[in-house]
C-alpha atoms as a PDB file:
ATOM      1  CA  MET A   1      17.255  32.257 106.994  1.00  0.00           C
ATOM      2  CA  ASN A   2      14.186  31.446 109.063  1.00  0.00           C
ATOM      3  CA  ALA A   3      13.601  28.028 110.645  1.00  0.00           C
ATOM      4  CA  ARG A   4      11.175  26.705 108.035  1.00  0.00           C
ATOM      5  CA  PRO A   5      13.424  27.034 104.935  1.00  0.00           C
ATOM      6  CA  ARG A   6      16.395  25.842 106.960  1.00  0.00           C
ATOM      7  CA  GLY A   7      14.443  22.709 108.053  1.00  0.00           C
ATOM      8  CA  ALA A   8      13.376  22.008 104.468  1.00  0.00           C
ATOM      9  CA  ALA A   9      16.982  22.268 103.320  1.00  0.00           C
ATOM     10  CA  ILE A  10      18.088  19.816 105.994  1.00  0.00           C
ATOM     11  CA  VAL A  11      15.364  17.372 105.052  1.00  0.00           C
ATOM     12  CA  MET A  12      16.313  17.656 101.388  1.00  0.00           C
ATOM     13  CA  ALA A  13      19.983  17.134 102.183  1.00  0.00           C
ATOM     14  CA  MET A  14      19.138  14.050 104.245  1.00  0.00           C
ATOM     15  CA  ALA A  15      17.020  12.715 101.379  1.00  0.00           C
ATOM     16  CA  VAL A  16      19.884  13.232  98.965  1.00  0.00           C
ATOM     17  CA  VAL A  17      22.264  11.435 101.309  1.00  0.00           C
ATOM     18  CA  ALA A  18      19.775   8.588 101.757  1.00  0.00           C
ATOM     19  CA  MET A  19      19.298   8.249  98.013  1.00  0.00           C
ATOM     20  CA  ALA A  20      23.047   8.255  97.491  1.00  0.00           C
ATOM     21  CA  ALA A  21      23.424   5.573 100.149  1.00  0.00           C
ATOM     22  CA  LEU A  22      20.704   3.457  98.517  1.00  0.00           C
ATOM     23  CA  ALA A  23      22.366   3.893  95.131  1.00  0.00           C
ATOM     24  CA  ALA A  24      25.722   2.875  96.563  1.00  0.00           C
ATOM     25  CA  THR A  25      24.179  -0.157  98.260  1.00  0.00           C
ATOM     26  CA  ALA A  26      22.446  -1.183  95.037  1.00  0.00           C
ATOM     27  CA  LEU A  27      25.701  -0.774  93.141  1.00  0.00           C
ATOM     28  CA  LEU A  28      27.564  -2.913  95.682  1.00  0.00           C
ATOM     29  CA  LEU A  29      24.868  -5.588  95.552  1.00  0.00           C
ATOM     30  CA  SER A  30      24.973  -5.531  91.764  1.00  0.00           C
ATOM     31  CA  GLN A  31      28.748  -5.859  91.787  1.00  0.00           C
ATOM     32  CA  SER A  32      28.537  -8.675  94.347  1.00  0.00           C
ATOM     33  CA  THR A  33      25.945 -10.520  92.257  1.00  0.00           C
ATOM     34  CA  TRP A  34      27.997 -10.022  89.113  1.00  0.00           C
ATOM     35  CA  ALA A  35      31.149 -11.226  90.878  1.00  0.00           C
ATOM     36  CA  ARG A  36      29.314 -14.305  92.174  1.00  0.00           C
ATOM     37  CA  ARG A  37      27.954 -15.078  88.719  1.00  0.00           C
ATOM     38  CA  LEU A  38      31.423 -14.718  87.275  1.00  0.00           C
ATOM     39  CA  GLU A  39      32.787 -17.031  89.965  1.00  0.00           C
ATOM     40  CA  LEU A  40      30.102 -19.642  89.280  1.00  0.00           C
ATOM     41  CA  ALA A  41      30.692 -19.397  85.528  1.00  0.00           C
ATOM     42  CA  THR A  42      34.411 -19.883  86.095  1.00  0.00           C
ATOM     43  CA  GLN A  43      33.788 -22.908  88.319  1.00  0.00           C
ATOM     44  CA  ARG A  44      31.384 -24.355  85.765  1.00  0.00           C
ATOM     45  CA  SER A  45      33.952 -23.886  83.012  1.00  0.00           C
ATOM     46  CA  GLN A  46      36.614 -25.576  85.148  1.00  0.00           C
ATOM     47  CA  ALA A  47      34.229 -28.461  85.901  1.00  0.00           C
ATOM     48  CA  GLN A  48      33.437 -28.863  82.205  1.00  0.00           C
ATOM     49  CA  ARG A  49      37.135 -28.962  81.378  1.00  0.00           C
ATOM     50  CA  GLY A  50      37.608 -31.568  84.099  1.00  0.00           C
ATOM     51  CA  LEU A  51      34.826 -33.765  82.679  1.00  0.00           C
ATOM     52  CA  GLU A  52      36.215 -33.412  79.158  1.00  0.00           C
ATOM     53  CA  ALA A  53      39.656 -34.386  80.465  1.00  0.00           C
ATOM     54  CA  GLY A  54      38.174 -37.458  82.137  1.00  0.00           C
ATOM     55  CA  LEU A  55      36.395 -38.425  78.930  1.00  0.00           C
ATOM     56  CA  ASP A  56      39.585 -38.079  76.899  1.00  0.00           C
ATOM     57  CA  TRP A  57      41.457 -40.151  79.498  1.00  0.00           C
ATOM     58  CA  SER A  58      38.837 -42.922  79.196  1.00  0.00           C
ATOM     59  CA  ARG A  59      38.966 -42.964  75.408  1.00  0.00           C
ATOM     60  CA  ALA A  60      42.746 -43.132  75.419  1.00  0.00           C
ATOM     61  CA  LEU A  61      42.740 -45.946  77.969  1.00  0.00           C
ATOM     62  CA  LEU A  62      40.227 -48.026  76.003  1.00  0.00           C
ATOM     63  CA  HIS A  63      42.054 -47.348  72.749  1.00  0.00           C
ATOM     64  CA  ASP A  64      45.363 -48.537  74.193  1.00  0.00           C
ATOM     65  CA  ASP A  65      43.680 -51.555  75.757  1.00  0.00           C
ATOM     66  CA  LEU A  66      42.334 -52.757  72.404  1.00  0.00           C
ATOM     67  CA  ARG A  67      45.772 -52.452  70.859  1.00  0.00           C
ATOM     68  CA  ALA A  68      47.257 -54.537  73.681  1.00  0.00           C
ATOM     69  CA  SER A  69      44.631 -57.262  74.079  1.00  0.00           C
ATOM     70  CA  GLN A  70      41.638 -58.854  72.362  1.00  0.00           C
ATOM     71  CA  THR A  71      39.952 -59.780  75.646  1.00  0.00           C
ATOM     72  CA  ASP A  72      38.346 -57.553  78.269  1.00  0.00           C
ATOM     73  CA  HIS A  73      38.292 -58.583  81.929  1.00  0.00           C
ATOM     74  CA  PRO A  74      38.280 -56.940  85.391  1.00  0.00           C
ATOM     75  CA  GLY A  75      42.055 -57.233  85.772  1.00  0.00           C
ATOM     76  CA  GLU A  76      42.784 -54.683  83.034  1.00  0.00           C
ATOM     77  CA  PRO A  77      43.629 -51.012  83.702  1.00  0.00           C
ATOM     78  CA  TRP A  78      40.353 -49.697  82.273  1.00  0.00           C
ATOM     79  CA  ALA A  79      38.385 -51.631  84.936  1.00  0.00           C
ATOM     80  CA  MET A  80      40.137 -49.918  87.841  1.00  0.00           C
ATOM     81  CA  SER A  81      38.500 -46.800  89.279  1.00  0.00           C
ATOM     82  CA  LEU A  82      40.374 -43.559  88.720  1.00  0.00           C
ATOM     83  CA  PRO A  83      41.350 -42.289  92.187  1.00  0.00           C
ATOM     84  CA  PRO A  84      40.863 -38.560  92.849  1.00  0.00           C
ATOM     85  CA  ILE A  85      43.529 -36.645  90.953  1.00  0.00           C
ATOM     86  CA  PRO A  86      44.190 -32.907  91.188  1.00  0.00           C
ATOM     87  CA  ILE A  87      43.004 -30.625  88.409  1.00  0.00           C
ATOM     88  CA  GLU A  88      42.806 -26.839  88.149  1.00  0.00           C
ATOM     89  CA  GLY A  89      40.811 -25.677  91.154  1.00  0.00           C
ATOM     90  CA  GLY A  90      39.797 -29.127  92.398  1.00  0.00           C
ATOM     91  CA  GLU A  91      39.948 -32.849  91.731  1.00  0.00           C
ATOM     92  CA  LEU A  92      38.626 -35.457  89.296  1.00  0.00           C
ATOM     93  CA  ALA A  93      37.560 -39.052  90.030  1.00  0.00           C
ATOM     94  CA  GLY A  94      35.838 -41.629  87.846  1.00  0.00           C
ATOM     95  CA  ARG A  95      35.371 -45.165  86.623  1.00  0.00           C
ATOM     96  CA  ILE A  96      34.677 -47.151  83.466  1.00  0.00           C
ATOM     97  CA  GLU A  97      32.061 -49.934  83.420  1.00  0.00           C
ATOM     98  CA  ASP A  98      31.694 -52.600  80.741  1.00  0.00           C
ATOM     99  CA  GLN A  99      28.089 -52.399  79.566  1.00  0.00           C
ATOM    100  CA  GLN A 100      28.317 -55.816  77.898  1.00  0.00           C
ATOM    101  CA  ALA A 101      28.702 -57.290  81.355  1.00  0.00           C
ATOM    102  CA  ARG A 102      24.949 -56.699  81.544  1.00  0.00           C
ATOM    103  CA  PHE A 103      21.937 -58.063  79.695  1.00  0.00           C
ATOM    104  CA  ASN A 104      21.003 -55.702  76.874  1.00  0.00           C
ATOM    105  CA  LEU A 105      17.236 -55.224  77.128  1.00  0.00           C
ATOM    106  CA  ASN A 106      17.077 -54.218  73.466  1.00  0.00           C
ATOM    107  CA  ASN A 107      18.148 -57.774  72.575  1.00  0.00           C
ATOM    108  CA  VAL A 108      14.581 -58.885  73.373  1.00  0.00           C
ATOM    109  CA  VAL A 109      13.409 -57.587  69.984  1.00  0.00           C
ATOM    110  CA  ARG A 110      15.308 -58.112  66.737  1.00  0.00           C
ATOM    111  CA  ASP A 111      14.190 -56.348  63.539  1.00  0.00           C
ATOM    112  CA  GLY A 112      10.919 -55.355  65.173  1.00  0.00           C
ATOM    113  CA  VAL A 113      10.019 -58.911  66.254  1.00  0.00           C
ATOM    114  CA  VAL A 114      10.403 -60.509  69.685  1.00  0.00           C
ATOM    115  CA  ASP A 115      13.386 -62.876  69.817  1.00  0.00           C
ATOM    116  CA  PRO A 116      12.152 -65.902  71.838  1.00  0.00           C
ATOM    117  CA  VAL A 117      15.678 -66.921  72.904  1.00  0.00           C
ATOM    118  CA  GLN A 118      16.510 -63.484  74.282  1.00  0.00           C
ATOM    119  CA  GLU A 119      13.078 -63.084  75.852  1.00  0.00           C
ATOM    120  CA  GLU A 120      13.617 -66.362  77.679  1.00  0.00           C
ATOM    121  CA  CYS A 121      16.996 -65.098  78.910  1.00  0.00           C
ATOM    122  CA  LEU A 122      15.237 -62.092  80.366  1.00  0.00           C
ATOM    123  CA  ARG A 123      12.622 -64.316  82.002  1.00  0.00           C
ATOM    124  CA  ARG A 124      15.356 -66.336  83.694  1.00  0.00           C
ATOM    125  CA  LEU A 125      17.039 -63.144  84.899  1.00  0.00           C
ATOM    126  CA  LEU A 126      13.746 -61.872  86.298  1.00  0.00           C
ATOM    127  CA  ALA A 127      13.198 -65.189  88.090  1.00  0.00           C
ATOM    128  CA  ARG A 128      16.736 -65.109  89.491  1.00  0.00           C
ATOM    129  CA  LEU A 129      16.109 -61.614  90.867  1.00  0.00           C
ATOM    130  CA  GLY A 130      12.702 -62.500  92.283  1.00  0.00           C
ATOM    131  CA  LEU A 131      10.780 -60.320  89.834  1.00  0.00           C
ATOM    132  CA  PRO A 132       7.543 -61.140  87.944  1.00  0.00           C
ATOM    133  CA  ALA A 133       8.006 -63.080  84.689  1.00  0.00           C
ATOM    134  CA  PRO A 134       5.292 -61.060  82.819  1.00  0.00           C
ATOM    135  CA  LEU A 135       7.668 -58.097  82.789  1.00  0.00           C
ATOM    136  CA  ALA A 136       9.440 -59.755  79.863  1.00  0.00           C
ATOM    137  CA  ALA A 137       6.239 -59.696  77.787  1.00  0.00           C
ATOM    138  CA  SER A 138       5.576 -56.069  78.790  1.00  0.00           C
ATOM    139  CA  LEU A 139       8.996 -55.079  77.529  1.00  0.00           C
ATOM    140  CA  GLY A 140       8.587 -57.114  74.338  1.00  0.00           C
ATOM    141  CA  ASP A 141       5.319 -55.346  73.504  1.00  0.00           C
ATOM    142  CA  TRP A 142       6.872 -51.971  74.275  1.00  0.00           C
ATOM    143  CA  LEU A 143       9.760 -52.624  71.894  1.00  0.00           C
ATOM    144  CA  ASP A 144       8.258 -54.638  69.027  1.00  0.00           C
ATOM    145  CA  ALA A 145       7.003 -53.005  65.861  1.00  0.00           C
ATOM    146  CA  ASP A 146       3.405 -54.298  65.899  1.00  0.00           C
ATOM    147  CA  GLY A 147       0.372 -53.154  67.870  1.00  0.00           C
ATOM    148  CA  LEU A 148      -0.708 -56.594  69.067  1.00  0.00           C
ATOM    149  CA  ALA A 149      -0.429 -57.279  72.798  1.00  0.00           C
ATOM    150  CA  GLN A 150       1.339 -60.604  73.305  1.00  0.00           C
ATOM    151  CA  GLY A 151       1.134 -61.010  77.044  1.00  0.00           C
ATOM    152  CA  GLY A 152       2.168 -57.446  77.790  1.00  0.00           C
ATOM    153  CA  ALA A 153       0.522 -54.147  76.820  1.00  0.00           C
ATOM    154  CA  GLU A 154       0.137 -52.057  73.705  1.00  0.00           C
ATOM    155  CA  ASP A 155      -1.368 -48.673  72.825  1.00  0.00           C
ATOM    156  CA  ALA A 156      -4.832 -49.312  74.316  1.00  0.00           C
ATOM    157  CA  TYR A 157      -3.315 -49.804  77.782  1.00  0.00           C
ATOM    158  CA  TYR A 158      -0.964 -46.819  77.605  1.00  0.00           C
ATOM    159  CA  LEU A 159      -3.624 -44.462  76.211  1.00  0.00           C
ATOM    160  CA  ALA A 160      -5.836 -45.261  79.217  1.00  0.00           C
ATOM    161  CA  GLN A 161      -3.225 -44.104  81.744  1.00  0.00           C
ATOM    162  CA  ALA A 162      -3.303 -40.800  83.651  1.00  0.00           C
ATOM    163  CA  THR A 163      -0.698 -39.486  81.218  1.00  0.00           C
ATOM    164  CA  PRO A 164      -1.711 -41.020  77.860  1.00  0.00           C
ATOM    165  CA  THR A 165       1.059 -42.206  75.588  1.00  0.00           C
ATOM    166  CA  LEU A 166       1.773 -44.849  72.960  1.00  0.00           C
ATOM    167  CA  ALA A 167       4.003 -47.903  73.068  1.00  0.00           C
ATOM    168  CA  ALA A 168       7.444 -46.924  71.793  1.00  0.00           C
ATOM    169  CA  ASN A 169       7.721 -49.691  69.155  1.00  0.00           C
ATOM    170  CA  ARG A 170      11.471 -49.044  69.022  1.00  0.00           C
ATOM    171  CA  PRO A 171      14.566 -49.825  71.109  1.00  0.00           C
ATOM    172  CA  LEU A 172      15.120 -48.194  74.475  1.00  0.00           C
ATOM    173  CA  THR A 173      17.405 -45.180  74.361  1.00  0.00           C
ATOM    174  CA  ASP A 174      17.983 -45.126  78.112  1.00  0.00           C
ATOM    175  CA  LEU A 175      17.111 -47.291  81.116  1.00  0.00           C
ATOM    176  CA  ALA A 176      15.080 -44.367  82.467  1.00  0.00           C
ATOM    177  CA  GLU A 177      12.511 -45.134  79.749  1.00  0.00           C
ATOM    178  CA  LEU A 178      11.563 -48.300  81.654  1.00  0.00           C
ATOM    179  CA  ALA A 179       9.516 -46.054  83.954  1.00  0.00           C
ATOM    180  CA  ARG A 180       6.967 -45.801  81.131  1.00  0.00           C
ATOM    181  CA  VAL A 181       6.643 -49.581  80.612  1.00  0.00           C
ATOM    182  CA  ARG A 182       3.835 -51.509  82.273  1.00  0.00           C
ATOM    183  CA  GLY A 183       4.939 -53.193  85.505  1.00  0.00           C
ATOM    184  CA  PHE A 184       8.361 -51.551  85.785  1.00  0.00           C
ATOM    185  CA  GLU A 185       7.739 -49.812  89.086  1.00  0.00           C
ATOM    186  CA  PRO A 186      10.577 -47.973  90.900  1.00  0.00           C
ATOM    187  CA  ALA A 187      11.428 -50.987  93.091  1.00  0.00           C
ATOM    188  CA  VAL A 188      11.580 -53.226  90.000  1.00  0.00           C
ATOM    189  CA  ARG A 189      13.873 -50.829  88.157  1.00  0.00           C
ATOM    190  CA  GLU A 190      16.148 -50.495  91.167  1.00  0.00           C
ATOM    191  CA  ARG A 191      16.438 -54.282  91.479  1.00  0.00           C
ATOM    192  CA  LEU A 192      17.203 -54.650  87.774  1.00  0.00           C
ATOM    193  CA  ARG A 193      19.600 -51.726  87.436  1.00  0.00           C
ATOM    194  CA  PRO A 194      22.919 -53.526  88.209  1.00  0.00           C
ATOM    195  CA  PHE A 195      22.187 -56.328  85.746  1.00  0.00           C
ATOM    196  CA  VAL A 196      20.720 -54.691  82.619  1.00  0.00           C
ATOM    197  CA  THR A 197      21.576 -52.028  80.078  1.00  0.00           C
ATOM    198  CA  ALA A 198      20.070 -50.414  76.968  1.00  0.00           C
ATOM    199  CA  LEU A 199      22.517 -50.405  74.069  1.00  0.00           C
ATOM    200  CA  PRO A 200      21.736 -49.125  70.565  1.00  0.00           C
ATOM    201  CA  ARG A 201      22.154 -52.469  68.833  1.00  0.00           C
ATOM    202  CA  PRO A 202      22.057 -56.207  69.742  1.00  0.00           C
ATOM    203  CA  THR A 203      25.096 -57.250  71.756  1.00  0.00           C
ATOM    204  CA  ALA A 204      26.623 -60.412  73.198  1.00  0.00           C
ATOM    205  CA  VAL A 205      27.352 -60.757  76.907  1.00  0.00           C
ATOM    206  CA  ASN A 206      31.020 -60.591  77.889  1.00  0.00           C
ATOM    207  CA  VAL A 207      31.489 -63.678  80.077  1.00  0.00           C
ATOM    208  CA  ASN A 208      34.719 -62.222  81.474  1.00  0.00           C
ATOM    209  CA  THR A 209      32.886 -59.336  83.139  1.00  0.00           C
ATOM    210  CA  ALA A 210      29.274 -60.500  83.589  1.00  0.00           C
ATOM    211  CA  SER A 211      27.871 -61.250  87.026  1.00  0.00           C
ATOM    212  CA  ALA A 212      26.883 -64.769  88.059  1.00  0.00           C
ATOM    213  CA  GLU A 213      23.226 -63.703  87.827  1.00  0.00           C
ATOM    214  CA  VAL A 214      23.562 -62.607  84.188  1.00  0.00           C
ATOM    215  CA  ILE A 215      25.523 -65.724  83.232  1.00  0.00           C
ATOM    216  CA  GLU A 216      22.924 -67.941  84.876  1.00  0.00           C
ATOM    217  CA  ALA A 217      20.156 -66.154  82.952  1.00  0.00           C
ATOM    218  CA  LEU A 218      22.065 -66.592  79.717  1.00  0.00           C
ATOM    219  CA  VAL A 219      22.643 -70.348  79.991  1.00  0.00           C
ATOM    220  CA  PRO A 220      19.532 -72.577  80.196  1.00  0.00           C
ATOM    221  CA  GLY A 221      19.691 -75.091  83.043  1.00  0.00           C
ATOM    222  CA  LEU A 222      22.889 -73.690  84.550  1.00  0.00           C
ATOM    223  CA  GLY A 223      21.880 -72.935  88.144  1.00  0.00           C
ATOM    224  CA  PRO A 224      23.373 -70.491  90.686  1.00  0.00           C
ATOM    225  CA  GLU A 225      26.192 -72.703  91.958  1.00  0.00           C
ATOM    226  CA  ALA A 226      27.493 -73.524  88.477  1.00  0.00           C
ATOM    227  CA  ALA A 227      27.295 -69.839  87.498  1.00  0.00           C
ATOM    228  CA  ARG A 228      29.355 -68.845  90.516  1.00  0.00           C
ATOM    229  CA  ALA A 229      31.907 -71.542  89.598  1.00  0.00           C
ATOM    230  CA  LEU A 230      32.269 -70.060  86.115  1.00  0.00           C
ATOM    231  CA  VAL A 231      32.890 -66.616  87.622  1.00  0.00           C
ATOM    232  CA  ALA A 232      35.453 -68.037  90.058  1.00  0.00           C
ATOM    233  CA  ALA A 233      37.263 -69.808  87.196  1.00  0.00           C
ATOM    234  CA  ARG A 234      37.710 -66.602  85.203  1.00  0.00           C
ATOM    235  CA  GLU A 235      39.127 -64.820  88.243  1.00  0.00           C
ATOM    236  CA  ARG A 236      42.024 -67.267  88.141  1.00  0.00           C
ATOM    237  CA  SER A 237      42.388 -67.020  84.374  1.00  0.00           C
ATOM    238  CA  PRO A 238      40.128 -64.935  82.044  1.00  0.00           C
ATOM    239  CA  TYR A 239      38.416 -66.721  79.185  1.00  0.00           C
ATOM    240  CA  LEU A 240      40.488 -66.086  76.061  1.00  0.00           C
ATOM    241  CA  ASP A 241      37.777 -67.169  73.614  1.00  0.00           C
ATOM    242  CA  ARG A 242      34.234 -68.504  73.516  1.00  0.00           C
ATOM    243  CA  SER A 243      35.319 -72.125  73.445  1.00  0.00           C
ATOM    244  CA  GLY A 244      37.189 -71.621  76.704  1.00  0.00           C
ATOM    245  CA  PHE A 245      33.930 -70.667  78.394  1.00  0.00           C
ATOM    246  CA  LEU A 246      31.759 -73.231  76.617  1.00  0.00           C
ATOM    247  CA  GLY A 247      34.215 -75.980  77.574  1.00  0.00           C
ATOM    248  CA  ARG A 248      33.609 -75.236  81.262  1.00  0.00           C
ATOM    249  CA  LEU A 249      29.834 -75.630  81.086  1.00  0.00           C
ATOM    250  CA  PRO A 250      28.430 -78.589  83.051  1.00  0.00           C
ATOM    251  CA  GLU A 251      27.759 -81.764  81.105  1.00  0.00           C
ATOM    252  CA  GLY A 252      24.547 -81.588  79.133  1.00  0.00           C
ATOM    253  CA  VAL A 253      24.321 -77.774  79.285  1.00  0.00           C
ATOM    254  CA  ARG A 254      24.438 -76.042  75.900  1.00  0.00           C
ATOM    255  CA  LEU A 255      24.644 -72.425  74.790  1.00  0.00           C
ATOM    256  CA  ALA A 256      24.644 -70.783  71.349  1.00  0.00           C
ATOM    257  CA  PRO A 257      28.150 -69.289  70.924  1.00  0.00           C
ATOM    258  CA  GLU A 258      26.853 -66.063  69.379  1.00  0.00           C
ATOM    259  CA  LEU A 259      25.216 -65.094  72.681  1.00  0.00           C
ATOM    260  CA  ILE A 260      28.569 -64.591  74.378  1.00  0.00           C
ATOM    261  CA  SER A 261      31.894 -62.839  73.838  1.00  0.00           C
ATOM    262  CA  VAL A 262      35.166 -62.348  75.684  1.00  0.00           C
ATOM    263  CA  ASN A 263      35.546 -58.695  74.713  1.00  0.00           C
ATOM    264  CA  SER A 264      33.345 -55.612  74.625  1.00  0.00           C
ATOM    265  CA  GLU A 265      32.516 -52.601  72.499  1.00  0.00           C
ATOM    266  CA  TYR A 266      30.327 -50.547  74.842  1.00  0.00           C
ATOM    267  CA  PHE A 267      31.604 -48.876  77.997  1.00  0.00           C
ATOM    268  CA  GLN A 268      29.980 -46.333  80.294  1.00  0.00           C
ATOM    269  CA  VAL A 269      32.182 -43.747  81.953  1.00  0.00           C
ATOM    270  CA  ASP A 270      31.118 -41.882  85.095  1.00  0.00           C
ATOM    271  CA  PHE A 271      33.059 -38.906  86.416  1.00  0.00           C
ATOM    272  CA  SER A 272      32.830 -36.613  89.392  1.00  0.00           C
ATOM    273  CA  VAL A 273      34.578 -33.234  89.445  1.00  0.00           C
ATOM    274  CA  GLN A 274      34.921 -31.146  92.586  1.00  0.00           C
ATOM    275  CA  VAL A 275      35.797 -27.499  92.000  1.00  0.00           C
ATOM    276  CA  HIS A 276      36.086 -25.101  94.952  1.00  0.00           C
ATOM    277  CA  GLY A 277      33.763 -27.262  97.053  1.00  0.00           C
ATOM    278  CA  ALA A 278      31.111 -27.681  94.335  1.00  0.00           C
ATOM    279  CA  ARG A 279      30.703 -31.168  92.839  1.00  0.00           C
ATOM    280  CA  VAL A 280      29.400 -31.974  89.351  1.00  0.00           C
ATOM    281  CA  ARG A 281      28.936 -35.343  87.662  1.00  0.00           C
ATOM    282  CA  GLY A 282      29.018 -36.514  84.069  1.00  0.00           C
ATOM    283  CA  THR A 283      28.245 -39.773  82.253  1.00  0.00           C
ATOM    284  CA  ALA A 284      28.949 -40.950  78.717  1.00  0.00           C
ATOM    285  CA  LEU A 285      28.595 -44.118  76.649  1.00  0.00           C
ATOM    286  CA  LEU A 286      31.682 -44.942  74.598  1.00  0.00           C
ATOM    287  CA  VAL A 287      31.747 -47.261  71.591  1.00  0.00           C
ATOM    288  CA  ARG A 288      35.006 -49.019  70.758  1.00  0.00           C
ATOM    289  CA  ASP A 289      34.215 -51.002  67.618  1.00  0.00           C
ATOM    290  CA  SER A 290      37.569 -50.791  65.854  1.00  0.00           C
ATOM    291  CA  ALA A 291      41.188 -49.886  66.439  1.00  0.00           C
ATOM    292  CA  SER A 292      40.287 -46.222  65.894  1.00  0.00           C
ATOM    293  CA  TRP A 293      39.611 -43.721  68.668  1.00  0.00           C
ATOM    294  CA  PRO A 294      36.495 -44.728  70.690  1.00  0.00           C
ATOM    295  CA  ARG A 295      33.510 -42.571  69.816  1.00  0.00           C
ATOM    296  CA  VAL A 296      30.880 -41.072  72.109  1.00  0.00           C
ATOM    297  CA  ALA A 297      27.406 -42.579  71.610  1.00  0.00           C
ATOM    298  CA  TRP A 298      25.865 -40.122  74.087  1.00  0.00           C
ATOM    299  CA  ARG A 299      26.903 -37.968  76.999  1.00  0.00           C
ATOM    300  CA  LYS A 300      25.156 -36.387  79.972  1.00  0.00           C
ATOM    301  CA  PHE A 301      27.243 -33.466  81.139  1.00  0.00           C
ATOM    302  CA  PRO A 302      25.862 -30.512  83.100  1.00  0.00           C
END
């Protein structure tokens, strides 16, 4: 064999080897990618099971609590954070928060019409938090069923924005929706967040779990010091009924009994699951309106 054919054969053999090497590398990369995807899918499945376990734990705890007591207060087991506990491949931690400890923004409108008593409660809360009073009117116009601006903003205002929209004319489904309401800038929403909620129907405030700020907003003429005294009193002994709370109000201060309660139906559960170093979070709103198993109003799981 002369040099030229022999050189061509060598080149061809090298090309075949190179192609085989590339094919092997591609196969290894494909297998590695597939293995990583399988690993991630397994971790995701484990995280989902962990979140579901946490949700079931919360429902069982709230169910047992209702059977044991007709009052809800921070000294009960449900109010204590769940410390990290081991689960398959990681750990689970979480907590339950009474949503009726907060002012329900959807209370501002009842049957499509602004409720002046509840709107005034919101105004007092805004004042207590150092926020502009007109925010109450903005929210009222966003929620009410008519198209007439009553101190806030209606469709004409929202249609003129960079991203045109219409006033919702219905209850809030989530606090995140406040970002669309006139005046509720990020700093405002952050200031409000610990004190308000958005529940699917009108609710009373649980005076056993509410903050001093919410209680002060609820009771006309109460004042910060008196509100803090009411909170301190329940820490020694929770209010067992409405009259127990009303009897501790300062002389001359009055409150409609239907605005308050000593128990709750709505609870938010927040869980964090760590699986093989990866952390996922889940949130759900539970409704406990009877002795039956608490139901899930909504959930936000990955």
